[in-house]
C-alpha atoms as a PDB file:
ATOM      1  CA  UNK A   1     132.944 -17.697-192.952  1.00  0.00           C
ATOM      2  CA  UNK A   2     130.921 -14.582-193.583  1.00  0.00           C
ATOM      3  CA  UNK A   3     129.164 -14.693-190.209  1.00  0.00           C
ATOM      4  CA  UNK A   4     132.076 -13.317-188.172  1.00  0.00           C
ATOM      5  CA  UNK A   5     131.640  -9.753-186.967  1.00  0.00           C
ATOM      6  CA  UNK A   6     134.400  -7.263-187.634  1.00  0.00           C
ATOM      7  CA  UNK A   7     135.866  -5.849-184.439  1.00  0.00           C
ATOM      8  CA  UNK A   8     136.201  -2.049-184.578  1.00  0.00           C
ATOM      9  CA  UNK A   9     139.786  -0.823-184.841  1.00  0.00           C
ATOM     10  CA  UNK A  10     139.551   1.185-181.627  1.00  0.00           C
ATOM     11  CA  UNK A  11     138.309  -1.801-179.628  1.00  0.00           C
ATOM     12  CA  UNK A  12     141.044  -4.013-181.059  1.00  0.00           C
ATOM     13  CA  UNK A  13     143.708  -1.421-180.265  1.00  0.00           C
ATOM     14  CA  UNK A  14     142.390  -1.107-176.708  1.00  0.00           C
ATOM     15  CA  UNK A  15     142.348  -4.895-176.273  1.00  0.00           C
ATOM     16  CA  UNK A  16     145.932  -5.220-177.509  1.00  0.00           C
ATOM     17  CA  UNK A  17     147.121  -2.363-175.288  1.00  0.00           C
ATOM     18  CA  UNK A  18     145.355  -3.856-172.255  1.00  0.00           C
ATOM     19  CA  UNK A  19     146.903  -7.247-172.952  1.00  0.00           C
ATOM     20  CA  UNK A  20     150.392  -5.730-173.205  1.00  0.00           C
ATOM     21  CA  UNK A  21     149.965  -3.782-169.950  1.00  0.00           C
ATOM     22  CA  UNK A  22     148.706  -6.840-168.071  1.00  0.00           C
ATOM     23  CA  UNK A  23     151.533  -8.995-169.460  1.00  0.00           C
ATOM     24  CA  UNK A  24     154.090  -6.416-168.365  1.00  0.00           C
ATOM     25  CA  UNK A  25     152.457  -6.176-164.932  1.00  0.00           C
ATOM     26  CA  UNK A  26     152.600  -9.956-164.474  1.00  0.00           C
ATOM     27  CA  UNK A  27     156.242 -10.150-165.574  1.00  0.00           C
ATOM     28  CA  UNK A  28     157.160  -7.333-163.197  1.00  0.00           C
ATOM     29  CA  UNK A  29     155.367  -9.046-160.312  1.00  0.00           C
ATOM     30  CA  UNK A  30     157.002 -12.399-161.012  1.00  0.00           C
ATOM     31  CA  UNK A  31     160.419 -10.743-161.149  1.00  0.00           C
ATOM     32  CA  UNK A  32     159.923  -9.191-157.731  1.00  0.00           C
ATOM     33  CA  UNK A  33     158.537 -12.386-156.251  1.00  0.00           C
ATOM     34  CA  UNK A  34     161.685 -14.180-157.436  1.00  0.00           C
ATOM     35  CA  UNK A  35     163.844 -11.432-155.954  1.00  0.00           C
ATOM     36  CA  UNK A  36     162.094 -11.725-152.585  1.00  0.00           C
ATOM     37  CA  UNK A  37     162.597 -15.487-152.582  1.00  0.00           C
ATOM     38  CA  UNK A  38     166.361 -15.102-153.157  1.00  0.00           C
ATOM     39  CA  UNK A  39     166.895 -13.186-149.912  1.00  0.00           C
ATOM     40  CA  UNK A  40     168.903 -14.935-147.180  1.00  0.00           C
ATOM     41  CA  UNK A  41     166.972 -16.718-144.422  1.00  0.00           C
ATOM     42  CA  UNK A  42     168.246 -14.200-141.824  1.00  0.00           C
ATOM     43  CA  UNK A  43     166.169 -11.476-143.487  1.00  0.00           C
ATOM     44  CA  UNK A  44     163.035 -13.611-143.673  1.00  0.00           C
ATOM     45  CA  UNK A  45     161.222 -11.537-141.050  1.00  0.00           C
ATOM     46  CA  UNK A  46     161.800  -8.379-143.108  1.00  0.00           C
ATOM     47  CA  UNK A  47     160.695  -9.987-146.378  1.00  0.00           C
ATOM     48  CA  UNK A  48     157.035  -9.681-145.372  1.00  0.00           C
ATOM     49  CA  UNK A  49     157.095  -5.883-145.558  1.00  0.00           C
ATOM     50  CA  UNK A  50     158.445  -5.648-149.142  1.00  0.00           C
ATOM     51  CA  UNK A  51     156.010  -8.384-150.167  1.00  0.00           C
ATOM     52  CA  UNK A  52     153.001  -6.515-148.816  1.00  0.00           C
ATOM     53  CA  UNK A  53     154.239  -3.251-150.299  1.00  0.00           C
ATOM     54  CA  UNK A  54     154.600  -4.989-153.666  1.00  0.00           C
ATOM     55  CA  UNK A  55     151.114  -6.497-153.488  1.00  0.00           C
ATOM     56  CA  UNK A  56     149.600  -3.158-152.472  1.00  0.00           C
ATOM     57  CA  UNK A  57     151.415  -1.273-155.217  1.00  0.00           C
ATOM     58  CA  UNK A  58     150.505  -3.792-157.921  1.00  0.00           C
ATOM     59  CA  UNK A  59     146.871  -3.762-156.802  1.00  0.00           C
ATOM     60  CA  UNK A  60     146.770   0.029-156.894  1.00  0.00           C
ATOM     61  CA  UNK A  61     148.272   0.077-160.398  1.00  0.00           C
ATOM     62  CA  UNK A  62     145.772  -2.525-161.594  1.00  0.00           C
ATOM     63  CA  UNK A  63     142.795  -0.621-160.151  1.00  0.00           C
ATOM     64  CA  UNK A  64     144.032   2.670-161.622  1.00  0.00           C
ATOM     65  CA  UNK A  65     144.509   1.036-165.025  1.00  0.00           C
ATOM     66  CA  UNK A  66     141.074  -0.558-165.015  1.00  0.00           C
ATOM     67  CA  UNK A  67     139.482   2.695-163.880  1.00  0.00           C
ATOM     68  CA  UNK A  68     141.244   4.597-166.660  1.00  0.00           C
ATOM     69  CA  UNK A  69     140.005   2.099-169.231  1.00  0.00           C
ATOM     70  CA  UNK A  70     136.467   1.504-167.914  1.00  0.00           C
ATOM     71  CA  UNK A  71     135.877   4.868-166.202  1.00  0.00           C
ATOM     72  CA  UNK A  72     133.546   6.407-168.793  1.00  0.00           C
ATOM     73  CA  UNK A  73     131.468   3.227-169.079  1.00  0.00           C
ATOM     74  CA  UNK A  74     131.161   2.964-165.285  1.00  0.00           C
ATOM     75  CA  UNK A  75     130.177   6.619-165.040  1.00  0.00           C
ATOM     76  CA  UNK A  76     127.480   6.131-167.684  1.00  0.00           C
ATOM     77  CA  UNK A  77     126.202   3.021-165.895  1.00  0.00           C
ATOM     78  CA  UNK A  78     126.065   4.883-162.581  1.00  0.00           C
ATOM     79  CA  UNK A  79     124.244   7.869-164.101  1.00  0.00           C
ATOM     80  CA  UNK A  80     121.677   5.602-165.759  1.00  0.00           C
ATOM     81  CA  UNK A  81     121.068   3.792-162.460  1.00  0.00           C
ATOM     82  CA  UNK A  82     120.615   7.092-160.619  1.00  0.00           C
ATOM     83  CA  UNK A  83     118.089   8.294-163.213  1.00  0.00           C
ATOM     84  CA  UNK A  84     115.973   5.197-162.588  1.00  0.00           C
ATOM     85  CA  UNK A  85     115.752   5.870-158.841  1.00  0.00           C
ATOM     86  CA  UNK A  86     112.565   7.730-158.010  1.00  0.00           C
ATOM     87  CA  UNK A  87     112.786  10.445-155.317  1.00  0.00           C
END
């Protein structure tokens, strides 16, 4: 039992916050997918536009969230890679 590593509080808080954001994002997406499915068949040709807008918006939010969370680590990784390149 004593071999388990203790997760730092900040990492645990970040993991919980990320989980909550992703869960909310999934619920929001499922809600809108259900709403699009409930439209009458006469509007089926117009349902493609809201669907693509929804997918684009959700993707943009996901990328922005991941960049906000992993931005500093990605920047450090990029800088380290650039330092290894010889001119």
